[in-house]
């Protein structure tokens, strides 16, 4: 029992020293797995707002349809990335600063692997 406590405490101590990196990895994995859904959701919001403002201007709506993905990308660079940084620093990092960080990291990576193997690789990468 004592040897497992020593091993667990040393691994947990190492992870606690790297808690910002671990939070960034978790946020990055979530973004990697769900970026298509996030972009589609943001495009629907952008398209709905612009269509409601420019309902009678068909030429402008055609232009907006062609550049909306680029605009969403630029807006995500300007707004979403700093927002994720703020969320990471203020909320996620303090939540991860616990003695159960090793268990949290293991569970998260197991769930991420299962999601990748069972869902993402089959539906998005075309593996069967």
Protein backbone atom coordinates (compact mmCIF):
# COMPACT_ATOMS: atom_id res chain seq x y z
CA UNK A 1 0.00 0.00 0.00
CA UNK A 2 2.83 2.39 0.80
CA UNK A 3 4.58 1.85 -2.55
CA UNK A 4 1.39 2.62 -4.48
CA UNK A 5 0.93 5.81 -2.46
CA UNK A 6 4.50 6.85 -3.24
CA UNK A 7 4.05 6.14 -6.95
CA UNK A 8 0.64 7.84 -7.09
CA UNK A 9 1.87 10.87 -5.13
CA UNK A 10 4.92 11.28 -7.37
CA UNK A 11 2.82 11.04 -10.56
CA UNK A 12 0.19 13.36 -9.12
CA UNK A 13 2.87 15.84 -8.00
CA UNK A 14 4.37 15.84 -11.48
CA UNK A 15 0.96 16.42 -13.04
CA UNK A 16 0.17 19.19 -10.55
CA UNK A 17 3.34 20.97 -11.64
CA UNK A 18 2.06 20.76 -15.22
CA UNK A 19 -1.60 21.59 -14.55
CA UNK A 20 -1.71 24.42 -17.14
CA UNK A 21 -0.38 22.09 -19.82
CA UNK A 22 -2.88 19.40 -18.90
CA UNK A 23 -5.75 21.88 -19.06
CA UNK A 24 -4.55 23.02 -22.47
CA UNK A 25 -4.36 19.41 -23.67
CA UNK A 26 -7.90 18.71 -22.49
CA UNK A 27 -9.26 21.85 -24.19
CA UNK A 28 -7.29 21.00 -27.35
CA UNK A 29 -8.67 17.46 -27.50
CA UNK A 30 -12.21 18.70 -27.05
CA UNK A 31 -11.67 21.23 -29.84
CA UNK A 32 -10.07 18.65 -32.14
CA UNK A 33 -12.94 16.22 -31.72
CA UNK A 34 -15.74 18.78 -31.96
CA UNK A 35 -14.42 21.59 -34.20
CA UNK A 36 -16.76 20.66 -37.06
CA UNK A 37 -19.80 20.94 -34.82
CA UNK A 38 -18.55 24.22 -33.33
CA UNK A 39 -17.94 25.73 -36.76
CA UNK A 40 -21.32 24.54 -38.09
CA UNK A 41 -23.07 25.99 -35.06
CA UNK A 42 -21.26 29.33 -35.40
CA UNK A 43 -21.97 29.43 -39.15
CA UNK A 44 -25.69 28.86 -38.53
CA UNK A 45 -25.73 31.72 -36.03
CA UNK A 46 -23.82 34.01 -38.40
CA UNK A 47 -25.99 33.07 -41.37
CA UNK A 48 -29.18 33.58 -39.36
CA UNK A 49 -28.09 37.02 -38.16
CA UNK A 50 -26.94 38.23 -41.57
CA UNK A 51 -29.99 36.86 -43.37
CA UNK A 52 -32.31 38.62 -40.96
CA UNK A 53 -30.51 41.95 -41.47
CA UNK A 54 -30.10 41.71 -45.25
CA UNK A 55 -33.28 39.85 -46.15
CA UNK A 56 -34.11 41.87 -49.27
CA UNK A 57 -30.59 42.23 -50.66
CA UNK A 58 -29.97 39.03 -52.61
CA UNK A 59 -26.60 40.11 -54.03
CA UNK A 60 -25.26 40.76 -50.55
CA UNK A 61 -26.66 37.45 -49.29
CA UNK A 62 -24.85 35.61 -52.10
CA UNK A 63 -21.60 37.27 -51.10
CA UNK A 64 -22.16 36.40 -47.44
CA UNK A 65 -22.80 32.75 -48.34
CA UNK A 66 -19.43 32.54 -50.05
CA UNK A 67 -17.38 34.19 -47.29
CA UNK A 68 -19.18 33.04 -44.14
CA UNK A 69 -16.74 30.22 -43.38
CA UNK A 70 -13.80 32.60 -43.66
CA UNK A 71 -15.54 35.15 -41.45
CA UNK A 72 -16.29 32.48 -38.85
CA UNK A 73 -12.64 31.42 -38.91
CA UNK A 74 -11.46 35.02 -38.39
CA UNK A 75 -14.03 35.59 -35.62
CA UNK A 76 -12.95 32.39 -33.91
CA UNK A 77 -9.33 33.49 -34.02
CA UNK A 78 -10.23 36.90 -32.63
CA UNK A 79 -12.83 35.89 -30.02
CA UNK A 80 -12.92 32.15 -29.31
CA UNK A 81 -9.21 31.57 -28.74
CA UNK A 82 -8.86 34.36 -26.15
CA UNK A 83 -12.12 33.22 -24.54
CA UNK A 84 -10.78 29.66 -24.24
CA UNK A 85 -7.59 31.04 -22.71
CA UNK A 86 -9.57 32.97 -20.10
CA UNK A 87 -11.73 29.92 -19.32
CA UNK A 88 -8.60 27.80 -19.05
CA UNK A 89 -6.82 30.18 -16.68
CA UNK A 90 -9.75 31.14 -14.46
CA UNK A 91 -11.89 28.01 -14.28
CA UNK A 92 -10.30 24.82 -15.58
CA UNK A 93 -6.83 25.17 -14.04
CA UNK A 94 -8.18 25.69 -10.48
CA UNK A 95 -10.55 22.74 -10.92
CA UNK A 96 -7.69 20.48 -11.98
CA UNK A 97 -5.49 21.50 -9.05
CA UNK A 98 -6.55 18.57 -6.87
CA UNK A 99 -5.09 15.43 -5.40
CA UNK A 100 -7.22 13.39 -7.83
CA UNK A 101 -5.62 14.88 -10.94
CA UNK A 102 -4.04 11.58 -11.99
CA UNK A 103 -7.42 9.85 -11.91
CA UNK A 104 -9.06 12.73 -13.78
CA UNK A 105 -6.37 12.65 -16.48
CA UNK A 106 -6.58 8.87 -16.86
CA UNK A 107 -10.37 8.91 -17.11
CA UNK A 108 -10.34 11.79 -19.58
CA UNK A 109 -7.78 10.15 -21.85
CA UNK A 110 -9.58 6.79 -21.70
CA UNK A 111 -12.86 8.51 -22.65
CA UNK A 112 -11.09 10.47 -25.41
CA UNK A 113 -9.57 7.28 -26.79
CA UNK A 114 -12.91 5.46 -26.69
CA UNK A 115 -14.61 8.38 -28.43
CA UNK A 116 -11.87 8.46 -31.07
CA UNK A 117 -11.97 4.70 -31.64
CA UNK A 118 -15.73 4.16 -31.53
CA UNK A 119 -17.11 7.38 -33.03
CA UNK A 120 -14.62 9.79 -34.56
CA UNK A 121 -12.50 7.34 -36.55
CA UNK A 122 -15.52 5.49 -37.94
CA UNK A 123 -17.73 8.44 -38.86
CA UNK A 124 -15.28 11.21 -39.68
CA UNK A 125 -12.26 9.33 -40.98
CA UNK A 126 -14.28 6.70 -42.85
CA UNK A 127 -12.85 3.63 -41.13
CA UNK A 128 -15.19 0.67 -40.79
